[in-house]
Amino acid sequence: MSQLPLRLGYVGTLDPGGTCFSRFEALRSVEPGVVALDPDRYLNGGRLARWLNQVPCVGAGPRRLNAAVLHLVREQRLNFLWIDKGTWVAPATLRELRRSGVRLAHHVTDALWPRPLRLRFTRRRLAATAPLYDHYLTSNAADFRRLQATMPGRVALTQLGYDERRFDSKPGRDSELAARWTHDAIFIGHWEPRTERGITALLAAGVRVKVYGRPWLARARRNPRLAGHVFDSLNDRDYVLALKHALIGLGFVSEWNYNETAGRSYEIPACGTFLLAMRTREHQRDYREGEEAEFFGSEAELVAKVRRYLADDAARSAIAARGHRRCTTSGYSWREIMLRDWAAVSARMKASLSNSKNVTTDFTDRHG
């Protein structure tokens, strides 16, 4: 039976500083006919609007977005839809798409069952809709193992990465910028109790560490030691500058999301900066400890290794250089990750489409 032509749609945030955009650009490089829909056109708003977006059948943004997806598929006669981080996707929308013969893939870097209840509430649709996809890609190893039991053959374990267009080891040319952004140690990311304990231990040891992210400023009101060392989130440009100019990039991973890596696990070495990360199986898989990165398993070890490598410029620079080489030659960029993922997904999906006698997009705009 002849294979139907692939008519591909992509739904994901198209902010140039986001990882969704990195994956979309890689996808477009091999599938130039892909049509895109940016959820941010429908989901942006104030704090109340963002909270309502997480409540089924309440937030107006998600309802409009689900309707827009159905309209896009019908108008463009798509037969394959790639959704990136579909926290907003209603089960009814996916069922309509499946009934019409559209094949569905979902890529998610968030944990499906995070430990804090408030986070689990905002991600309940991610877990509830997982079985409705033909192919499900997650970067969380624990979720991959859990989903395999209920979705055999449809789940793939992918990984986090870095955007090679933004993160590189080229030195900055502006001495004023270097003076502003050079820190002994830096952490960029959200607040969690375990991370605060590590940062506090460094500050108590006299280490000049800077922290950027939310809601660190609020935490400083409860922990006076943080005052003057924590700041709000960075814009895309300053984010890269801060990583490039730090002597040590700290790689705390999320305990709430039971992660073993973070985006900084690859962005820091890609910038040519020394990575000091939590000791996890995935970090040890991706970098040789003591040669391409350094790891810690306790606050005492964290403090000891920061002190050691701040005092040894040669050792720190050598490890940073080897870490950069390992990161940039081992397929850790989003482009390389996405091309591998897409090759596997498209092969399976095209085979499935070839076995379909007809693919139609005759469905109503029901959503919820």
Protein backbone atom coordinates (compact mmCIF):
# COMPACT_ATOMS: atom_id res chain seq x y z
CA MET A 1 0.00 0.00 0.00
CA SER A 2 1.39 3.44 -0.91
CA GLN A 3 2.36 5.73 1.90
CA LEU A 4 0.29 8.85 2.50
CA PRO A 5 2.23 12.14 2.38
CA LEU A 6 3.10 13.48 5.81
CA ARG A 7 1.32 16.71 6.67
CA LEU A 8 2.89 17.83 9.90
CA GLY A 9 1.86 20.34 12.53
CA TYR A 10 3.80 21.53 15.58
CA VAL A 11 2.26 23.10 18.69
CA GLY A 12 4.76 24.60 21.13
CA THR A 13 6.02 27.90 22.51
CA LEU A 14 7.99 29.80 19.88
CA ASP A 15 9.89 32.14 22.20
CA PRO A 16 13.45 32.16 20.72
CA GLY A 17 14.92 31.72 24.21
CA GLY A 18 12.90 28.60 25.00
CA THR A 19 13.74 24.96 24.47
CA CYS A 20 10.51 24.37 22.53
CA PHE A 21 11.77 26.77 19.88
CA SER A 22 15.10 24.91 19.76
CA ARG A 23 13.27 21.67 19.04
CA PHE A 24 10.98 23.31 16.49
CA GLU A 25 13.92 24.74 14.55
CA ALA A 26 15.51 21.29 14.42
CA LEU A 27 12.24 19.77 13.23
CA ARG A 28 11.79 22.44 10.58
CA SER A 29 15.29 21.75 9.25
CA VAL A 30 14.22 18.26 8.16
CA GLU A 31 10.50 18.88 7.64
CA PRO A 32 10.35 22.35 6.03
CA GLY A 33 6.62 22.05 5.40
CA VAL A 34 5.72 21.89 9.09
CA VAL A 35 3.08 24.39 10.20
CA ALA A 36 3.27 25.81 13.72
CA LEU A 37 0.91 27.13 16.37
CA ASP A 38 2.23 29.04 19.40
CA PRO A 39 0.17 28.41 22.60
CA ASP A 40 1.45 31.67 24.12
CA ARG A 41 -0.87 33.56 21.79
CA TYR A 42 -3.73 32.18 23.89
CA LEU A 43 -2.24 31.52 27.33
CA ASN A 44 -0.42 34.72 28.26
CA GLY A 45 -1.87 36.94 30.97
CA GLY A 46 -1.61 37.94 34.61
CA ARG A 47 -1.25 35.67 37.61
CA LEU A 48 -4.98 35.02 37.88
CA ALA A 49 -5.27 34.19 34.19
CA ARG A 50 -2.30 31.82 34.38
CA TRP A 51 -3.85 30.06 37.38
CA LEU A 52 -7.23 29.75 35.64
CA ASN A 53 -5.44 28.23 32.65
CA GLN A 54 -4.69 25.22 34.86
CA VAL A 55 -8.37 24.65 35.80
CA PRO A 56 -10.30 22.39 33.37
CA CYS A 57 -13.16 24.11 31.57
CA VAL A 58 -12.52 27.42 33.41
CA GLY A 59 -9.63 29.25 31.75
CA ALA A 60 -10.71 30.96 28.52
CA GLY A 61 -7.20 30.72 27.07
CA PRO A 62 -7.00 26.91 27.00
CA ARG A 63 -10.52 26.66 25.55
CA ARG A 64 -9.58 28.99 22.70
CA LEU A 65 -6.29 27.18 22.19
CA ASN A 66 -7.91 23.75 21.96
CA ALA A 67 -10.36 25.13 19.41
CA ALA A 68 -7.47 26.69 17.46
CA VAL A 69 -5.65 23.34 17.30
CA LEU A 70 -8.72 21.61 15.88
CA HIS A 71 -9.17 24.42 13.38
CA LEU A 72 -5.52 24.27 12.30
CA VAL A 73 -5.64 20.53 11.71
CA ARG A 74 -8.88 20.78 9.73
CA GLU A 75 -7.79 23.81 7.68
CA GLN A 76 -4.33 22.42 6.84
CA ARG A 77 -5.57 18.83 6.53
CA LEU A 78 -2.81 17.66 8.87
CA ASN A 79 -2.35 13.97 9.58
CA PHE A 80 0.40 14.25 12.20
CA LEU A 81 0.61 16.61 15.17
CA TRP A 82 3.63 17.11 17.43
CA ILE A 83 2.72 18.76 20.74
CA ASP A 84 5.39 20.17 23.05
CA LYS A 85 4.51 20.37 26.76
CA GLY A 86 0.75 20.09 26.36
CA THR A 87 -0.39 21.01 29.88
CA TRP A 88 -3.35 22.78 28.27
CA VAL A 89 -4.53 19.95 25.98
CA ALA A 90 -8.03 18.70 26.75
CA PRO A 91 -8.67 14.94 26.48
CA ALA A 92 -11.67 15.67 24.26
CA THR A 93 -9.40 17.42 21.76
CA LEU A 94 -7.05 14.46 21.53
CA ARG A 95 -9.95 12.03 21.14
CA GLU A 96 -11.36 14.12 18.29
CA LEU A 97 -7.98 14.13 16.57
CA ARG A 98 -7.57 10.39 16.99
CA ARG A 99 -11.06 9.69 15.62
CA SER A 100 -10.19 11.75 12.55
CA GLY A 101 -7.09 9.62 11.94
CA VAL A 102 -4.50 12.20 13.04
CA ARG A 103 -1.40 10.67 14.64
CA LEU A 104 -0.17 12.36 17.81
CA ALA A 105 3.24 12.76 19.44
CA HIS A 106 3.95 14.52 22.71
CA HIS A 107 7.28 15.79 24.03
CA VAL A 108 7.49 16.68 27.72
CA THR A 109 10.39 17.68 29.97
CA ASP A 110 8.25 18.11 33.10
CA ALA A 111 7.63 15.41 35.69
CA LEU A 112 4.12 14.02 35.43
CA TRP A 113 3.70 13.34 39.14
CA PRO A 114 5.74 16.04 40.95
CA ARG A 115 5.91 15.75 44.72
CA PRO A 116 4.32 19.07 45.80
CA LEU A 117 0.55 18.84 45.48
CA ARG A 118 0.29 22.30 43.92
CA LEU A 119 2.59 21.23 41.09
CA ARG A 120 0.76 17.95 40.66
CA PHE A 121 -2.46 19.94 40.28
CA THR A 122 -1.03 22.03 37.42
CA ARG A 123 0.27 18.96 35.59
CA ARG A 124 -2.68 16.66 36.03
CA ARG A 125 -3.56 16.87 32.34
CA LEU A 126 -0.05 15.77 31.36
CA ALA A 127 -0.59 12.52 33.24
CA ALA A 128 -4.24 12.08 32.32
CA THR A 129 -3.73 12.55 28.58
CA ALA A 130 -0.56 10.47 28.19
CA PRO A 131 -2.41 7.30 27.02
CA LEU A 132 -4.11 9.26 24.22
CA TYR A 133 -0.86 9.83 22.29
CA ASP A 134 0.56 7.48 19.70
CA HIS A 135 4.11 8.33 20.74
CA TYR A 136 5.19 9.87 24.03
CA LEU A 137 8.66 11.28 24.66
CA THR A 138 9.77 12.16 28.19
CA SER A 139 13.14 13.23 29.55
CA ASN A 140 12.28 11.92 33.01
CA ALA A 141 13.60 8.39 33.53
CA ALA A 142 11.22 7.61 36.42
CA ASP A 143 8.18 8.64 34.37
CA PHE A 144 9.46 6.62 31.42
CA ARG A 145 9.59 3.49 33.54
CA ARG A 146 6.12 4.14 34.95
CA LEU A 147 4.54 4.81 31.55
CA GLN A 148 6.09 1.74 29.96
CA ALA A 149 3.83 -0.44 32.08
CA THR A 150 0.66 1.13 30.70
CA MET A 151 1.81 2.29 27.24
CA PRO A 152 4.17 -0.41 25.98
CA GLY A 153 5.81 0.43 22.67
CA ARG A 154 4.60 4.03 22.67
CA VAL A 155 6.97 5.65 25.18
CA ALA A 156 10.52 6.81 24.52
CA LEU A 157 13.13 8.19 26.90
CA THR A 158 14.77 11.33 25.53
CA GLN A 159 17.04 13.81 27.33
CA LEU A 160 17.60 17.47 28.08
CA GLY A 161 20.09 19.46 26.05
CA TYR A 162 21.42 22.88 25.02
CA ASP A 163 20.88 25.17 22.03
CA GLU A 164 24.13 25.36 20.11
CA ARG A 165 23.08 28.68 18.55
CA ARG A 166 22.98 30.38 21.97
CA PHE A 167 25.51 28.55 24.13
CA ASP A 168 29.15 28.38 23.07
CA SER A 169 32.58 28.89 24.60
CA LYS A 170 33.48 32.03 22.66
CA PRO A 171 34.80 34.59 25.15
CA GLY A 172 32.96 37.85 25.60
CA ARG A 173 34.64 40.91 24.14
CA ASP A 174 33.17 43.52 26.46
CA SER A 175 35.25 43.97 29.63
CA GLU A 176 32.44 45.93 31.28
CA LEU A 177 30.06 43.00 30.80
CA ALA A 178 32.70 40.62 32.12
CA ALA A 179 33.10 42.72 35.26
CA ARG A 180 29.36 42.72 35.82
CA TRP A 181 28.79 39.00 35.29
CA THR A 182 31.92 37.35 36.66
CA HIS A 183 30.98 35.42 39.81
CA ASP A 184 32.81 32.76 41.79
CA ALA A 185 29.79 30.45 41.59
CA ILE A 186 26.36 30.81 40.05
CA PHE A 187 23.05 29.01 40.17
CA ILE A 188 20.17 29.79 37.81
CA GLY A 189 16.88 28.09 38.46
CA HIS A 190 13.80 27.91 40.65
CA TRP A 191 13.84 27.70 44.42
CA GLU A 192 13.54 24.43 46.30
CA PRO A 193 14.38 23.71 49.96
CA ARG A 194 17.29 21.40 49.13
CA THR A 195 18.80 23.97 46.79
CA GLU A 196 18.48 26.70 49.42
CA ARG A 197 20.33 24.55 51.93
CA GLY A 198 23.21 24.12 49.49
CA ILE A 199 23.37 27.83 48.65
CA THR A 200 23.22 28.75 52.34
CA ALA A 201 26.09 26.38 53.11
CA LEU A 202 28.22 28.08 50.45
CA LEU A 203 27.40 31.55 51.76
CA ALA A 204 28.18 30.45 55.32
CA ALA A 205 31.58 29.29 54.05
CA GLY A 206 32.28 32.72 52.57
CA VAL A 207 31.79 31.77 48.91
CA ARG A 208 30.62 34.60 46.66
CA VAL A 209 27.68 32.90 44.98
CA LYS A 210 24.91 34.52 42.94
CA VAL A 211 21.47 33.01 42.41
CA TYR A 212 18.94 33.98 39.75
CA GLY A 213 15.36 32.77 39.53
CA ARG A 214 12.00 32.72 41.25
CA PRO A 215 10.97 33.03 44.04
CA TRP A 216 14.43 33.52 45.54
CA LEU A 217 13.84 37.17 46.48
CA ALA A 218 10.87 36.13 48.60
CA ARG A 219 12.98 33.49 50.32
CA ALA A 220 15.57 36.11 51.27
CA ARG A 221 13.00 37.69 53.60
CA ARG A 222 12.97 34.44 55.58
CA ASN A 223 16.66 33.63 55.23
CA PRO A 224 18.70 36.83 55.81
CA ARG A 225 21.89 35.11 54.67
CA LEU A 226 20.52 35.11 51.12
CA ALA A 227 20.09 38.88 51.06
CA GLY A 228 22.23 40.52 48.39
CA HIS A 229 23.01 37.19 46.74
CA VAL A 230 19.67 36.28 45.12
CA PHE A 231 18.05 38.02 42.17
CA ASP A 232 15.07 37.74 39.87
CA SER A 233 15.04 35.75 36.63
CA LEU A 234 17.35 36.79 33.78
CA ASN A 235 16.42 37.66 30.23
CA ASP A 236 17.73 35.41 27.45
CA ARG A 237 20.85 37.49 26.73
CA ASP A 238 21.89 37.93 30.36
CA TYR A 239 21.24 34.26 31.06
CA VAL A 240 23.96 33.27 28.61
CA LEU A 241 26.33 36.00 29.80
CA ALA A 242 25.93 34.92 33.43
CA LEU A 243 26.77 31.30 32.62
CA LYS A 244 29.73 32.22 30.42
CA HIS A 245 31.43 34.45 32.96
CA ALA A 246 30.95 32.34 36.09
CA LEU A 247 33.99 30.49 37.40
CA ILE A 248 31.78 27.62 38.60
CA GLY A 249 28.31 26.76 37.33
CA LEU A 250 26.23 24.92 39.94
CA GLY A 251 24.07 22.04 38.76
CA PHE A 252 21.38 21.47 41.37
CA VAL A 253 18.59 19.25 40.07
CA SER A 254 14.96 19.33 41.10
CA GLU A 255 13.98 17.10 44.00
CA TRP A 256 10.34 18.04 43.47
CA ASN A 257 10.46 16.70 39.91
CA TYR A 258 12.74 13.76 40.80
CA ASN A 259 15.14 14.86 38.05
CA GLU A 260 18.68 13.60 37.49
CA THR A 261 19.73 16.38 35.11
CA ALA A 262 18.67 19.93 34.28
CA GLY A 263 19.06 22.14 31.24
CA ARG A 264 22.09 23.73 32.93
CA SER A 265 23.75 20.30 33.00
CA TYR A 266 24.47 20.91 29.31
CA GLU A 267 24.27 24.69 28.94
CA ILE A 268 27.05 25.27 31.50
CA PRO A 269 29.66 23.01 29.79
CA ALA A 270 28.52 24.24 26.36
CA CYS A 271 29.57 27.73 27.50
CA GLY A 272 33.00 26.42 28.47
CA THR A 273 32.23 26.90 32.16
CA PHE A 274 33.20 24.45 34.90
CA LEU A 275 30.21 22.31 35.94
CA LEU A 276 29.81 21.29 39.59
CA ALA A 277 26.60 19.27 39.74
CA MET A 278 24.75 16.93 42.04
CA ARG A 279 25.98 13.36 41.74
CA THR A 280 23.29 11.43 39.85
CA ARG A 281 23.35 8.41 37.56
CA GLU A 282 22.60 10.53 34.51
CA HIS A 283 25.27 13.12 35.31
CA GLN A 284 27.80 10.32 35.77
CA ARG A 285 26.66 8.82 32.48
CA ASP A 286 27.15 12.08 30.58
CA TYR A 287 30.42 13.31 32.14
CA ARG A 288 33.44 11.62 33.68
CA GLU A 289 33.70 12.75 37.29
CA GLY A 290 36.86 14.68 38.08
CA GLU A 291 37.79 14.88 34.38
CA GLU A 292 34.90 16.52 32.51
CA ALA A 293 32.83 17.79 35.45
CA GLU A 294 32.75 17.53 39.20
CA PHE A 295 29.92 16.24 41.37
CA PHE A 296 28.79 16.49 44.98
CA GLY A 297 26.54 14.39 47.17
CA SER A 298 26.29 16.53 50.30
CA GLU A 299 26.53 20.14 51.38
CA ALA A 300 29.95 19.49 52.93
CA GLU A 301 31.26 18.03 49.66
CA LEU A 302 29.75 20.94 47.72
CA VAL A 303 31.57 23.49 49.88
CA ALA A 304 34.84 21.54 49.77
CA LYS A 305 34.83 21.25 45.97
CA VAL A 306 33.92 24.88 45.41
CA ARG A 307 36.80 25.94 47.63
CA ARG A 308 39.18 23.49 45.97
CA TYR A 309 38.48 24.58 42.41
CA LEU A 310 38.30 28.29 43.12
CA ALA A 311 41.84 27.94 44.47
CA ASP A 312 43.08 25.92 41.47
CA ASP A 313 42.55 27.84 38.25
CA ALA A 314 44.50 25.36 36.13
CA ALA A 315 42.53 22.30 37.25
CA ARG A 316 39.22 24.12 36.94
CA SER A 317 40.01 25.34 33.42
CA ALA A 318 41.21 21.92 32.28
CA ILE A 319 38.03 20.19 33.50
CA ALA A 320 35.89 22.93 31.95
CA ALA A 321 37.63 22.47 28.59
CA ARG A 322 37.19 18.70 28.65
CA GLY A 323 33.57 19.11 29.74
CA HIS A 324 32.94 21.48 26.84
CA ARG A 325 34.45 18.99 24.41
CA ARG A 326 32.37 16.11 25.83
CA CYS A 327 29.18 18.15 25.71
CA THR A 328 29.63 19.45 22.17
CA THR A 329 30.78 16.17 20.60
CA SER A 330 28.39 13.72 22.28
CA GLY A 331 25.07 14.67 20.76
CA TYR A 332 23.79 16.76 23.67
CA SER A 333 22.50 19.69 21.59
CA TRP A 334 18.75 20.07 21.12
CA ARG A 335 19.27 19.86 17.36
CA GLU A 336 20.95 16.46 17.57
CA ILE A 337 18.53 15.16 20.21
CA MET A 338 15.50 16.26 18.21
CA LEU A 339 16.79 14.79 14.96
CA ARG A 340 17.28 11.43 16.65
CA ASP A 341 13.85 11.58 18.27
CA TRP A 342 12.15 12.65 15.06
CA ALA A 343 13.83 9.91 13.02
CA ALA A 344 12.44 7.28 15.40
CA VAL A 345 8.98 8.84 15.71
CA SER A 346 8.50 9.61 12.02
CA ALA A 347 9.54 6.12 10.95
CA ARG A 348 6.91 4.60 13.21
CA MET A 349 4.26 7.15 12.31
CA LYS A 350 4.83 6.97 8.56
CA ALA A 351 4.50 3.20 8.73
CA SER A 352 1.23 3.66 10.59
CA LEU A 353 -0.04 6.16 8.03
CA SER A 354 0.83 3.79 5.20
CA ASN A 355 -1.55 1.26 6.73
CA SER A 356 -4.40 3.75 6.88
CA LYS A 357 -6.83 3.65 3.97
CA ASN A 358 -7.95 7.18 4.61
CA VAL A 359 -7.16 10.07 6.92
CA THR A 360 -9.88 12.64 7.35
CA THR A 361 -10.14 15.83 9.32
CA ASP A 362 -13.94 15.89 9.50
CA PHE A 363 -14.57 16.63 13.15
CA THR A 364 -16.30 19.24 15.24
CA ASP A 365 -14.62 21.84 17.40
CA ARG A 366 -15.47 20.10 20.68
CA HIS A 367 -13.03 20.75 23.48
CA GLY A 368 -12.97 20.96 27.26
